[in-house]
Protein backbone atom coordinates (compact mmCIF):
# COMPACT_ATOMS: atom_id res chain seq x y z
CA MET A 1 47.36 -24.64 -44.56
CA LYS A 2 44.77 -22.86 -46.67
CA LYS A 3 42.33 -25.77 -46.28
CA PHE A 4 42.84 -25.72 -42.52
CA ILE A 5 41.93 -22.01 -42.34
CA LEU A 6 38.88 -22.52 -44.57
CA ILE A 7 37.68 -25.47 -42.50
CA PHE A 8 38.22 -23.49 -39.30
CA ALA A 9 36.29 -20.52 -40.76
CA LEU A 10 33.45 -22.81 -41.86
CA LEU A 11 33.22 -24.48 -38.45
CA PHE A 12 33.32 -21.09 -36.75
CA SER A 13 30.50 -19.80 -38.97
CA VAL A 14 28.37 -22.86 -38.33
CA SER A 15 28.95 -22.70 -34.58
CA ILE A 16 27.97 -19.03 -34.49
CA ALA A 17 24.80 -19.74 -36.47
CA PHE A 18 23.65 -22.43 -34.06
CA THR A 19 24.73 -20.85 -30.79
CA GLY A 20 23.57 -17.27 -31.38
CA CYS A 21 21.72 -15.25 -28.81
CA ARG A 22 18.36 -16.86 -28.37
CA ASP A 23 15.67 -16.08 -25.87
CA GLU A 24 15.16 -18.90 -23.49
CA LYS A 25 11.67 -20.30 -23.62
CA LYS A 26 9.92 -19.70 -20.36
CA SER A 27 7.57 -22.17 -18.82
CA PRO A 28 4.00 -21.06 -18.05
CA GLU A 29 4.90 -21.02 -14.36
CA ASP A 30 7.76 -18.59 -15.03
CA LYS A 31 5.48 -16.35 -17.08
CA ILE A 32 2.84 -16.34 -14.35
CA GLU A 33 5.44 -15.57 -11.69
CA ALA A 34 6.85 -12.68 -13.75
CA THR A 35 3.36 -11.28 -14.28
CA ILE A 36 2.56 -11.51 -10.57
CA ASP A 37 5.82 -9.72 -9.74
CA ASP A 38 4.98 -6.96 -12.23
CA VAL A 39 1.49 -6.55 -10.78
CA ASN A 40 2.88 -6.43 -7.23
CA ASP A 41 5.38 -3.75 -8.26
CA ASP A 42 2.60 -1.71 -9.88
CA ILE A 43 0.43 -2.03 -6.77
CA GLU A 44 3.28 -0.87 -4.53
CA GLU A 45 3.99 2.14 -6.76
CA ASP A 46 0.30 3.08 -6.89
CA ALA A 47 -0.03 2.67 -3.11
CA GLU A 48 2.95 4.97 -2.54
CA ALA A 49 1.51 7.57 -4.92
CA LEU A 50 -1.90 7.33 -3.23
CA SER A 51 -0.28 7.67 0.19
CA ASP A 52 1.53 10.81 -0.96
CA ASP A 53 -1.74 12.23 -2.31
CA VAL A 54 -3.54 11.52 0.96
CA ASN A 55 -0.74 13.13 2.96
CA ASP A 56 -0.87 16.20 0.73
CA ALA A 57 -4.63 16.44 1.19
CA ILE A 58 -4.25 16.17 4.97
CA GLU A 59 -1.66 18.95 4.95
CA ASP A 60 -3.98 21.13 2.85
CA VAL A 61 -6.85 20.58 5.28
CA GLU A 62 -4.59 21.38 8.24
CA GLU A 63 -3.51 24.61 6.54
CA GLU A 64 -7.13 25.54 5.87
CA ILE A 65 -8.00 24.90 9.52
CA GLU A 66 -5.09 27.07 10.67
CA GLU A 67 -6.18 29.86 8.32
CA ALA A 68 -9.76 29.61 9.56
CA LYS A 69 -8.53 29.84 13.18
CA GLU A 70 -6.43 32.90 12.34
CA ASP A 71 -9.39 34.57 10.61
CA ASN A 72 -11.60 33.99 13.64
CA ASP A 73 -9.06 35.47 16.08
């Protein structure tokens, strides 16, 4: 019985050593696709931020125009 437990423990240890968490190797195509996706995400985020900045600038100009109209009246 003791030998059975030792053999089981040894097999368990060996199986854990060879089937541990390993990163899967990615092909060059997968790496390129991931990079393209990252770049697209960055472009979308930057475009949204730029759009918000442009809208803020337009609102500021509209406020300045309104203030100038009020000053002239």
